[in-house]
Amino acid sequence: MVRMSKSPEPDEPSEVSKQKIDGGTKDRNDSRSKQSYKSFEELECWKACTEVRRFITKLVKKFPPEEKYGLADDMKRAARSTTHNIAEGFGRYHYQENIQFCRHSRGSLHELIDQLITSLDEYYISEEEYNQGRDLIARALSLLNGYINYLNRQKHALADSP
């Protein structure tokens, strides 16, 4: 079984030695022992997707009744899918499977962007709510892409090791 790991944050790493990993940093020169993620709940990308889910859940409560089983339901499902897929991928313990589930999560975030546009076009949300949703999704996408890149690096490092 392969465990994903991260090293503790260094006290004062040089800017050159930093690389972005799931919204945090890792010092390439840090020789301290690696510490494994114990739960998907520790992942910054999962936390960001949770913020998106909470925002969407609150937002759709004010949609008109005729959208209860339409757009509102679609948006809740897509928002839930973002966190569900990260959690399920984490539980697989294989880098490639984890990456694939994270890609599904990323797709759900893009689906939510389209649904926000539709909500704005239909006058269900304000421009301010639209922008707030886009900002939350952009942050979640950035962190999720960073996590996917991290998993890819770990997968390739494992393949390259003797």
C-alpha atoms as a PDB file:
ATOM      1  CA  MET A   1       0.000   0.000   0.000  1.00  0.00           C
ATOM      2  CA  VAL A   2       1.393   3.401  -1.022  1.00  0.00           C
ATOM      3  CA  ARG A   3       0.760   6.292   1.361  1.00  0.00           C
ATOM      4  CA  MET A   4       0.787   9.897   0.242  1.00  0.00           C
ATOM      5  CA  SER A   5       3.000  12.001   2.404  1.00  0.00           C
ATOM      6  CA  LYS A   6       4.102  15.530   3.018  1.00  0.00           C
ATOM      7  CA  SER A   7       7.015  16.876   4.935  1.00  0.00           C
ATOM      8  CA  PRO A   8       6.579  19.295   7.851  1.00  0.00           C
ATOM      9  CA  GLU A   9       6.704  22.960   7.002  1.00  0.00           C
ATOM     10  CA  PRO A  10      10.270  24.293   7.309  1.00  0.00           C
ATOM     11  CA  ASP A  11      11.020  27.198   9.605  1.00  0.00           C
ATOM     12  CA  GLU A  12      12.707  29.475   7.050  1.00  0.00           C
ATOM     13  CA  PRO A  13      13.161  27.907   3.613  1.00  0.00           C
ATOM     14  CA  SER A  14      14.617  29.967   0.781  1.00  0.00           C
ATOM     15  CA  GLU A  15      12.116  31.156  -1.819  1.00  0.00           C
ATOM     16  CA  VAL A  16      13.942  29.133  -4.476  1.00  0.00           C
ATOM     17  CA  SER A  17      13.506  25.870  -2.589  1.00  0.00           C
ATOM     18  CA  LYS A  18       9.748  26.231  -2.140  1.00  0.00           C
ATOM     19  CA  GLN A  19       7.267  24.438  -4.351  1.00  0.00           C
ATOM     20  CA  LYS A  20       3.510  24.583  -4.070  1.00  0.00           C
ATOM     21  CA  ILE A  21       1.801  21.464  -2.730  1.00  0.00           C
ATOM     22  CA  ASP A  22      -1.930  21.471  -2.025  1.00  0.00           C
ATOM     23  CA  GLY A  23      -1.930  25.107  -1.030  1.00  0.00           C
ATOM     24  CA  GLY A  24       1.102  24.754   1.232  1.00  0.00           C
ATOM     25  CA  THR A  25       4.807  24.568   0.683  1.00  0.00           C
ATOM     26  CA  LYS A  26       7.444  21.917   0.939  1.00  0.00           C
ATOM     27  CA  ASP A  27      11.150  22.569   1.287  1.00  0.00           C
ATOM     28  CA  ARG A  28      12.983  20.360  -1.229  1.00  0.00           C
ATOM     29  CA  ASN A  29      16.041  20.380   1.015  1.00  0.00           C
ATOM     30  CA  ASP A  30      14.181  19.344   4.169  1.00  0.00           C
ATOM     31  CA  SER A  31      15.651  16.023   5.291  1.00  0.00           C
ATOM     32  CA  ARG A  32      13.253  15.515   8.209  1.00  0.00           C
ATOM     33  CA  SER A  33      11.055  12.432   8.080  1.00  0.00           C
ATOM     34  CA  LYS A  34       7.874  12.663   6.032  1.00  0.00           C
ATOM     35  CA  GLN A  35       4.485  12.807   7.719  1.00  0.00           C
ATOM     36  CA  SER A  36       1.504  11.109   6.034  1.00  0.00           C
ATOM     37  CA  TYR A  37      -1.900  12.627   5.561  1.00  0.00           C
ATOM     38  CA  LYS A  38      -4.121  10.683   7.914  1.00  0.00           C
ATOM     39  CA  SER A  39      -7.427  11.864   6.463  1.00  0.00           C
ATOM     40  CA  PHE A  40      -8.767  13.629   3.401  1.00  0.00           C
ATOM     41  CA  GLU A  41     -10.056  16.210   5.874  1.00  0.00           C
ATOM     42  CA  GLU A  42      -6.489  17.534   6.181  1.00  0.00           C
ATOM     43  CA  LEU A  43      -6.328  18.406   2.469  1.00  0.00           C
ATOM     44  CA  GLU A  44      -6.636  22.103   1.697  1.00  0.00           C
ATOM     45  CA  CYS A  45      -8.389  21.304  -1.588  1.00  0.00           C
ATOM     46  CA  TRP A  46     -11.071  19.322   0.274  1.00  0.00           C
ATOM     47  CA  LYS A  47     -11.541  22.216   2.716  1.00  0.00           C
ATOM     48  CA  ALA A  48     -11.911  24.664  -0.183  1.00  0.00           C
ATOM     49  CA  CYS A  49     -14.474  22.409  -1.873  1.00  0.00           C
ATOM     50  CA  THR A  50     -16.353  22.216   1.427  1.00  0.00           C
ATOM     51  CA  GLU A  51     -16.592  26.025   1.387  1.00  0.00           C
ATOM     52  CA  VAL A  52     -17.972  25.847  -2.153  1.00  0.00           C
ATOM     53  CA  ARG A  53     -20.522  23.205  -1.114  1.00  0.00           C
ATOM     54  CA  ARG A  54     -21.711  25.266   1.853  1.00  0.00           C
ATOM     55  CA  PHE A  55     -21.997  28.386  -0.283  1.00  0.00           C
ATOM     56  CA  ILE A  56     -24.016  26.595  -2.984  1.00  0.00           C
ATOM     57  CA  THR A  57     -26.299  24.895  -0.444  1.00  0.00           C
ATOM     58  CA  LYS A  58     -27.135  28.262   1.098  1.00  0.00           C
ATOM     59  CA  LEU A  59     -27.469  29.965  -2.297  1.00  0.00           C
ATOM     60  CA  VAL A  60     -30.001  27.545  -3.824  1.00  0.00           C
ATOM     61  CA  LYS A  61     -32.351  27.820  -0.836  1.00  0.00           C
ATOM     62  CA  LYS A  62     -33.605  31.106  -2.284  1.00  0.00           C
ATOM     63  CA  PHE A  63     -34.268  29.725  -5.783  1.00  0.00           C
ATOM     64  CA  PRO A  64     -37.890  29.614  -6.915  1.00  0.00           C
ATOM     65  CA  PRO A  65     -39.895  26.474  -6.073  1.00  0.00           C
ATOM     66  CA  GLU A  66     -40.009  25.338  -9.713  1.00  0.00           C
ATOM     67  CA  GLU A  67     -36.207  24.924  -9.615  1.00  0.00           C
ATOM     68  CA  LYS A  68     -36.241  22.684  -6.533  1.00  0.00           C
ATOM     69  CA  TYR A  69     -35.830  19.544  -8.658  1.00  0.00           C
ATOM     70  CA  GLY A  70     -34.080  21.299 -11.516  1.00  0.00           C
ATOM     71  CA  LEU A  71     -31.154  23.676 -11.347  1.00  0.00           C
ATOM     72  CA  ALA A  72     -31.057  23.831  -7.532  1.00  0.00           C
ATOM     73  CA  ASP A  73     -30.833  20.050  -7.268  1.00  0.00           C
ATOM     74  CA  ASP A  74     -28.188  19.886 -10.020  1.00  0.00           C
ATOM     75  CA  MET A  75     -26.076  22.490  -8.221  1.00  0.00           C
ATOM     76  CA  LYS A  76     -26.327  20.717  -4.862  1.00  0.00           C
ATOM     77  CA  ARG A  77     -25.314  17.424  -6.474  1.00  0.00           C
ATOM     78  CA  ALA A  78     -22.345  18.980  -8.281  1.00  0.00           C
ATOM     79  CA  ALA A  79     -21.211  20.773  -5.112  1.00  0.00           C
ATOM     80  CA  ARG A  80     -21.436  17.573  -3.081  1.00  0.00           C
ATOM     81  CA  SER A  81     -19.588  15.676  -5.783  1.00  0.00           C
ATOM     82  CA  THR A  82     -16.532  17.914  -5.343  1.00  0.00           C
ATOM     83  CA  THR A  83     -15.880  16.770  -1.778  1.00  0.00           C
ATOM     84  CA  HIS A  84     -17.163  13.214  -2.264  1.00  0.00           C
ATOM     85  CA  ASN A  85     -14.705  12.507  -5.075  1.00  0.00           C
ATOM     86  CA  ILE A  86     -11.710  13.863  -3.181  1.00  0.00           C
ATOM     87  CA  ALA A  87     -12.643  11.683  -0.202  1.00  0.00           C
ATOM     88  CA  GLU A  88     -13.200   8.587  -2.333  1.00  0.00           C
ATOM     89  CA  GLY A  89      -9.949   9.068  -4.217  1.00  0.00           C
ATOM     90  CA  PHE A  90      -8.042   9.480  -0.976  1.00  0.00           C
ATOM     91  CA  GLY A  91      -9.428   6.156   0.222  1.00  0.00           C
ATOM     92  CA  ARG A  92      -8.108   4.310  -2.816  1.00  0.00           C
ATOM     93  CA  TYR A  93      -4.426   4.633  -1.721  1.00  0.00           C
ATOM     94  CA  HIS A  94      -3.202   4.402  -5.321  1.00  0.00           C
ATOM     95  CA  TYR A  95      -1.957   7.593  -6.897  1.00  0.00           C
ATOM     96  CA  GLN A  96      -3.563   7.079 -10.317  1.00  0.00           C
ATOM     97  CA  GLU A  97      -6.992   6.276  -8.883  1.00  0.00           C
ATOM     98  CA  ASN A  98      -6.757   9.234  -6.511  1.00  0.00           C
ATOM     99  CA  ILE A  99      -5.830  11.491  -9.436  1.00  0.00           C
ATOM    100  CA  GLN A 100      -8.800  10.240 -11.456  1.00  0.00           C
ATOM    101  CA  PHE A 101     -11.259  10.980  -8.640  1.00  0.00           C
ATOM    102  CA  CYS A 102      -9.731  14.439  -8.215  1.00  0.00           C
ATOM    103  CA  ARG A 103     -10.282  15.015 -11.935  1.00  0.00           C
ATOM    104  CA  HIS A 104     -13.961  14.162 -11.440  1.00  0.00           C
ATOM    105  CA  SER A 105     -14.042  16.713  -8.623  1.00  0.00           C
ATOM    106  CA  ARG A 106     -12.457  19.280 -10.930  1.00  0.00           C
ATOM    107  CA  GLY A 107     -15.119  18.552 -13.546  1.00  0.00           C
ATOM    108  CA  SER A 108     -17.845  19.138 -10.956  1.00  0.00           C
ATOM    109  CA  LEU A 109     -16.313  22.523 -10.102  1.00  0.00           C
ATOM    110  CA  HIS A 110     -16.453  23.506 -13.770  1.00  0.00           C
ATOM    111  CA  GLU A 111     -20.047  22.272 -13.921  1.00  0.00           C
ATOM    112  CA  LEU A 112     -20.826  24.617 -11.020  1.00  0.00           C
ATOM    113  CA  ILE A 113     -19.364  27.553 -12.952  1.00  0.00           C
ATOM    114  CA  ASP A 114     -21.814  26.871 -15.787  1.00  0.00           C
ATOM    115  CA  GLN A 115     -24.654  26.526 -13.297  1.00  0.00           C
ATOM    116  CA  LEU A 116     -23.738  29.843 -11.670  1.00  0.00           C
ATOM    117  CA  ILE A 117     -23.836  31.465 -15.115  1.00  0.00           C
ATOM    118  CA  THR A 118     -27.275  29.952 -15.717  1.00  0.00           C
ATOM    119  CA  SER A 119     -28.445  31.164 -12.288  1.00  0.00           C
ATOM    120  CA  LEU A 120     -27.272  34.671 -13.085  1.00  0.00           C
ATOM    121  CA  ASP A 121     -28.875  34.590 -16.555  1.00  0.00           C
ATOM    122  CA  GLU A 122     -32.184  33.465 -15.026  1.00  0.00           C
ATOM    123  CA  TYR A 123     -31.961  36.229 -12.374  1.00  0.00           C
ATOM    124  CA  TYR A 124     -31.903  33.742  -9.477  1.00  0.00           C
ATOM    125  CA  ILE A 125     -28.695  35.241  -8.081  1.00  0.00           C
ATOM    126  CA  SER A 126     -27.109  38.661  -7.984  1.00  0.00           C
ATOM    127  CA  GLU A 127     -23.869  39.673  -9.670  1.00  0.00           C
ATOM    128  CA  GLU A 128     -22.275  39.808  -6.208  1.00  0.00           C
ATOM    129  CA  GLU A 129     -23.329  36.233  -5.407  1.00  0.00           C
ATOM    130  CA  TYR A 130     -22.098  35.104  -8.808  1.00  0.00           C
ATOM    131  CA  ASN A 131     -18.690  36.704  -8.215  1.00  0.00           C
ATOM    132  CA  GLN A 132     -18.450  35.251  -4.724  1.00  0.00           C
ATOM    133  CA  GLY A 133     -19.197  31.780  -6.093  1.00  0.00           C
ATOM    134  CA  ARG A 134     -16.657  32.174  -8.896  1.00  0.00           C
ATOM    135  CA  ASP A 135     -13.990  33.271  -6.398  1.00  0.00           C
ATOM    136  CA  LEU A 136     -14.627  30.258  -4.150  1.00  0.00           C
ATOM    137  CA  ILE A 137     -14.535  27.911  -7.122  1.00  0.00           C
ATOM    138  CA  ALA A 138     -11.350  29.492  -8.497  1.00  0.00           C
ATOM    139  CA  ARG A 139      -9.621  28.972  -5.141  1.00  0.00           C
ATOM    140  CA  ALA A 140     -10.840  25.359  -4.963  1.00  0.00           C
ATOM    141  CA  LEU A 141      -9.654  24.695  -8.538  1.00  0.00           C
ATOM    142  CA  SER A 142      -6.242  26.150  -7.815  1.00  0.00           C
ATOM    143  CA  LEU A 143      -5.770  24.002  -4.728  1.00  0.00           C
ATOM    144  CA  LEU A 144      -7.165  20.916  -6.429  1.00  0.00           C
ATOM    145  CA  ASN A 145      -4.847  21.357  -9.415  1.00  0.00           C
ATOM    146  CA  GLY A 146      -1.944  21.726  -7.001  1.00  0.00           C
ATOM    147  CA  TYR A 147      -2.939  18.491  -5.266  1.00  0.00           C
ATOM    148  CA  ILE A 148      -3.272  16.657  -8.594  1.00  0.00           C
ATOM    149  CA  ASN A 149       0.208  17.882  -9.581  1.00  0.00           C
ATOM    150  CA  TYR A 150       1.549  16.731  -6.209  1.00  0.00           C
ATOM    151  CA  LEU A 151       0.016  13.269  -6.703  1.00  0.00           C
ATOM    152  CA  ASN A 152       1.520  13.055 -10.195  1.00  0.00           C
ATOM    153  CA  ARG A 153       4.970  13.951  -8.847  1.00  0.00           C
ATOM    154  CA  GLN A 154       4.631  11.349  -6.109  1.00  0.00           C
ATOM    155  CA  LYS A 155       3.486   8.736  -8.612  1.00  0.00           C
ATOM    156  CA  HIS A 156       6.468   9.437 -10.892  1.00  0.00           C
ATOM    157  CA  ALA A 157       8.910   9.519  -7.983  1.00  0.00           C
ATOM    158  CA  LEU A 158       7.649   6.108  -6.891  1.00  0.00           C
ATOM    159  CA  ALA A 159       8.017   4.749 -10.435  1.00  0.00           C
ATOM    160  CA  ASP A 160      11.556   6.141 -10.687  1.00  0.00           C
ATOM    161  CA  SER A 161      12.722   4.733  -7.353  1.00  0.00           C
ATOM    162  CA  PRO A 162      14.676   1.448  -7.366  1.00  0.00           C
END
